[in-house]
């Protein structure tokens, strides 16, 4: 019985460590134009409580925005339910999208971005 307790403890500890090592990646598709996509990647691993709930949110991360046949990359910040994408290094040009109850995003022009995929990757050391 003692070995079983040890094995269980090691398994739980390992799962907890791995939970903090990965990054969450969410992909959204513009409902009006499927060629426009937005990918949000969290800066850090999700805490175990977020994994248990099935939600992976981070106040900061990186984005890839493809629209109008151009690709923009940069950083984002999350304030409450709004993601603020910084389109330039100075932070002067911003694009805002707000999380909706159905997990889609609505941008500042009222366009809905449908949530398509969620994945996790282990951070490369």
C-alpha atoms as a PDB file:
ATOM      1  CA  UNK A   1       0.000   0.000   0.000  1.00  0.00           C
ATOM      2  CA  UNK A   2       2.903   2.381   0.754  1.00  0.00           C
ATOM      3  CA  UNK A   3       4.282   2.082  -2.787  1.00  0.00           C
ATOM      4  CA  UNK A   4       0.854   2.907  -4.196  1.00  0.00           C
ATOM      5  CA  UNK A   5       0.695   6.097  -2.124  1.00  0.00           C
ATOM      6  CA  UNK A   6       4.200   7.051  -3.256  1.00  0.00           C
ATOM      7  CA  UNK A   7       3.335   6.421  -6.905  1.00  0.00           C
ATOM      8  CA  UNK A   8       0.132   8.446  -6.595  1.00  0.00           C
ATOM      9  CA  UNK A   9       2.034  11.310  -4.961  1.00  0.00           C
ATOM     10  CA  UNK A  10       4.711  11.302  -7.673  1.00  0.00           C
ATOM     11  CA  UNK A  11       2.065  11.212 -10.422  1.00  0.00           C
ATOM     12  CA  UNK A  12       0.168  14.164  -8.929  1.00  0.00           C
ATOM     13  CA  UNK A  13       3.391  16.159  -8.427  1.00  0.00           C
ATOM     14  CA  UNK A  14       4.525  15.492 -11.999  1.00  0.00           C
ATOM     15  CA  UNK A  15       1.121  16.514 -13.401  1.00  0.00           C
ATOM     16  CA  UNK A  16       1.280  19.729 -11.381  1.00  0.00           C
ATOM     17  CA  UNK A  17       4.743  20.564 -12.697  1.00  0.00           C
ATOM     18  CA  UNK A  18       3.802  19.855 -16.300  1.00  0.00           C
ATOM     19  CA  UNK A  19       0.673  21.983 -15.976  1.00  0.00           C
ATOM     20  CA  UNK A  20       2.872  25.040 -15.435  1.00  0.00           C
ATOM     21  CA  UNK A  21       5.251  24.253 -18.290  1.00  0.00           C
ATOM     22  CA  UNK A  22       2.985  24.582 -21.303  1.00  0.00           C
ATOM     23  CA  UNK A  23       1.366  27.340 -23.282  1.00  0.00           C
ATOM     24  CA  UNK A  24      -2.248  27.523 -24.419  1.00  0.00           C
ATOM     25  CA  UNK A  25      -2.990  28.378 -28.052  1.00  0.00           C
ATOM     26  CA  UNK A  26      -6.449  29.471 -29.238  1.00  0.00           C
ATOM     27  CA  UNK A  27      -7.395  30.047 -32.876  1.00  0.00           C
ATOM     28  CA  UNK A  28     -10.311  32.214 -34.041  1.00  0.00           C
ATOM     29  CA  UNK A  29     -11.824  32.626 -37.530  1.00  0.00           C
ATOM     30  CA  UNK A  30     -13.575  35.774 -38.753  1.00  0.00           C
ATOM     31  CA  UNK A  31     -17.234  34.828 -39.429  1.00  0.00           C
ATOM     32  CA  UNK A  32     -17.493  37.207 -42.386  1.00  0.00           C
ATOM     33  CA  UNK A  33     -14.211  36.136 -44.024  1.00  0.00           C
ATOM     34  CA  UNK A  34     -12.747  32.714 -43.164  1.00  0.00           C
ATOM     35  CA  UNK A  35      -9.370  33.784 -44.617  1.00  0.00           C
ATOM     36  CA  UNK A  36      -8.957  36.110 -41.606  1.00  0.00           C
ATOM     37  CA  UNK A  37      -7.610  34.341 -38.538  1.00  0.00           C
ATOM     38  CA  UNK A  38      -6.401  35.261 -35.077  1.00  0.00           C
ATOM     39  CA  UNK A  39      -4.152  33.070 -32.960  1.00  0.00           C
ATOM     40  CA  UNK A  40      -3.563  33.875 -29.282  1.00  0.00           C
ATOM     41  CA  UNK A  41      -0.725  32.160 -27.392  1.00  0.00           C
ATOM     42  CA  UNK A  42      -0.433  32.525 -23.635  1.00  0.00           C
ATOM     43  CA  UNK A  43       2.853  33.554 -22.022  1.00  0.00           C
ATOM     44  CA  UNK A  44       2.816  30.951 -19.321  1.00  0.00           C
ATOM     45  CA  UNK A  45       1.420  27.574 -18.432  1.00  0.00           C
ATOM     46  CA  UNK A  46      -2.086  27.320 -17.112  1.00  0.00           C
ATOM     47  CA  UNK A  47      -2.533  26.663 -13.396  1.00  0.00           C
ATOM     48  CA  UNK A  48      -3.994  23.293 -12.445  1.00  0.00           C
ATOM     49  CA  UNK A  49      -7.338  24.895 -11.458  1.00  0.00           C
ATOM     50  CA  UNK A  50      -7.728  26.279 -15.014  1.00  0.00           C
ATOM     51  CA  UNK A  51      -6.962  22.879 -16.516  1.00  0.00           C
ATOM     52  CA  UNK A  52      -9.621  21.318 -14.293  1.00  0.00           C
ATOM     53  CA  UNK A  53     -12.160  23.933 -15.484  1.00  0.00           C
ATOM     54  CA  UNK A  54     -11.061  23.536 -19.104  1.00  0.00           C
ATOM     55  CA  UNK A  55     -10.212  27.237 -19.459  1.00  0.00           C
ATOM     56  CA  UNK A  56      -6.785  28.633 -20.245  1.00  0.00           C
ATOM     57  CA  UNK A  57      -6.535  32.364 -19.803  1.00  0.00           C
ATOM     58  CA  UNK A  58      -3.499  34.522 -19.414  1.00  0.00           C
ATOM     59  CA  UNK A  59      -3.332  38.294 -18.998  1.00  0.00           C
ATOM     60  CA  UNK A  60      -0.518  38.489 -21.570  1.00  0.00           C
ATOM     61  CA  UNK A  61       0.822  36.643 -24.562  1.00  0.00           C
ATOM     62  CA  UNK A  62       1.600  36.729 -28.258  1.00  0.00           C
ATOM     63  CA  UNK A  63      -0.714  36.926 -31.251  1.00  0.00           C
ATOM     64  CA  UNK A  64      -0.711  36.284 -34.982  1.00  0.00           C
ATOM     65  CA  UNK A  65      -3.420  38.188 -36.864  1.00  0.00           C
ATOM     66  CA  UNK A  66      -4.013  37.491 -40.530  1.00  0.00           C
ATOM     67  CA  UNK A  67      -6.399  39.910 -42.236  1.00  0.00           C
ATOM     68  CA  UNK A  68      -6.566  41.852 -45.478  1.00  0.00           C
ATOM     69  CA  UNK A  69      -3.860  39.549 -46.899  1.00  0.00           C
ATOM     70  CA  UNK A  70      -1.387  40.792 -44.292  1.00  0.00           C
ATOM     71  CA  UNK A  71       0.034  39.134 -41.211  1.00  0.00           C
ATOM     72  CA  UNK A  72       0.596  41.088 -38.005  1.00  0.00           C
ATOM     73  CA  UNK A  73       2.398  39.646 -34.997  1.00  0.00           C
ATOM     74  CA  UNK A  74       2.968  41.085 -31.581  1.00  0.00           C
ATOM     75  CA  UNK A  75       1.951  41.078 -27.951  1.00  0.00           C
ATOM     76  CA  UNK A  76      -1.454  41.214 -26.307  1.00  0.00           C
ATOM     77  CA  UNK A  77      -2.768  42.077 -22.864  1.00  0.00           C
ATOM     78  CA  UNK A  78      -6.052  40.916 -21.410  1.00  0.00           C
ATOM     79  CA  UNK A  79      -8.079  43.288 -19.255  1.00  0.00           C
ATOM     80  CA  UNK A  80     -11.282  41.725 -17.904  1.00  0.00           C
ATOM     81  CA  UNK A  81     -12.928  40.213 -21.018  1.00  0.00           C
ATOM     82  CA  UNK A  82     -11.040  42.320 -23.564  1.00  0.00           C
ATOM     83  CA  UNK A  83      -7.889  41.333 -25.418  1.00  0.00           C
ATOM     84  CA  UNK A  84      -5.848  44.344 -26.522  1.00  0.00           C
ATOM     85  CA  UNK A  85      -3.538  43.493 -29.428  1.00  0.00           C
ATOM     86  CA  UNK A  86      -0.606  45.876 -29.830  1.00  0.00           C
ATOM     87  CA  UNK A  87      -0.042  46.201 -33.571  1.00  0.00           C
ATOM     88  CA  UNK A  88       3.179  48.210 -33.256  1.00  0.00           C
ATOM     89  CA  UNK A  89       6.097  48.178 -30.847  1.00  0.00           C
ATOM     90  CA  UNK A  90       5.220  51.591 -29.409  1.00  0.00           C
ATOM     91  CA  UNK A  91       1.717  50.450 -28.418  1.00  0.00           C
ATOM     92  CA  UNK A  92       0.079  53.284 -30.374  1.00  0.00           C
ATOM     93  CA  UNK A  93      -1.872  51.073 -32.806  1.00  0.00           C
ATOM     94  CA  UNK A  94      -4.227  48.710 -31.003  1.00  0.00           C
ATOM     95  CA  UNK A  95      -6.909  46.231 -32.015  1.00  0.00           C
ATOM     96  CA  UNK A  96      -9.453  45.204 -29.374  1.00  0.00           C
ATOM     97  CA  UNK A  97     -11.529  42.046 -29.245  1.00  0.00           C
ATOM     98  CA  UNK A  98     -13.959  41.178 -26.466  1.00  0.00           C
ATOM     99  CA  UNK A  99     -14.690  37.658 -25.244  1.00  0.00           C
ATOM    100  CA  UNK A 100     -18.339  36.656 -25.673  1.00  0.00           C
ATOM    101  CA  UNK A 101     -20.296  34.164 -23.512  1.00  0.00           C
ATOM    102  CA  UNK A 102     -20.082  31.516 -26.281  1.00  0.00           C
ATOM    103  CA  UNK A 103     -16.230  31.771 -26.349  1.00  0.00           C
ATOM    104  CA  UNK A 104     -16.211  33.750 -29.580  1.00  0.00           C
ATOM    105  CA  UNK A 105     -14.631  37.206 -29.831  1.00  0.00           C
ATOM    106  CA  UNK A 106     -16.242  40.433 -31.070  1.00  0.00           C
ATOM    107  CA  UNK A 107     -13.900  43.068 -32.455  1.00  0.00           C
ATOM    108  CA  UNK A 108     -14.254  46.851 -32.257  1.00  0.00           C
ATOM    109  CA  UNK A 109     -16.080  46.853 -35.616  1.00  0.00           C
ATOM    110  CA  UNK A 110     -18.717  44.411 -34.351  1.00  0.00           C
ATOM    111  CA  UNK A 111     -17.341  41.460 -36.338  1.00  0.00           C
ATOM    112  CA  UNK A 112     -17.504  38.077 -34.594  1.00  0.00           C
ATOM    113  CA  UNK A 113     -14.445  35.807 -34.519  1.00  0.00           C
ATOM    114  CA  UNK A 114     -15.507  32.189 -33.954  1.00  0.00           C
ATOM    115  CA  UNK A 115     -13.377  30.014 -31.673  1.00  0.00           C
ATOM    116  CA  UNK A 116     -12.041  27.090 -33.715  1.00  0.00           C
ATOM    117  CA  UNK A 117      -9.267  25.311 -31.860  1.00  0.00           C
ATOM    118  CA  UNK A 118      -7.564  25.125 -28.513  1.00  0.00           C
ATOM    119  CA  UNK A 119      -4.284  23.330 -27.958  1.00  0.00           C
ATOM    120  CA  UNK A 120      -1.433  23.151 -25.505  1.00  0.00           C
ATOM    121  CA  UNK A 121       2.235  22.769 -26.188  1.00  0.00           C
ATOM    122  CA  UNK A 122       5.007  22.020 -23.797  1.00  0.00           C
ATOM    123  CA  UNK A 123       7.470  24.848 -23.570  1.00  0.00           C
ATOM    124  CA  UNK A 124      10.781  24.083 -25.241  1.00  0.00           C
ATOM    125  CA  UNK A 125      13.709  24.627 -22.911  1.00  0.00           C
END
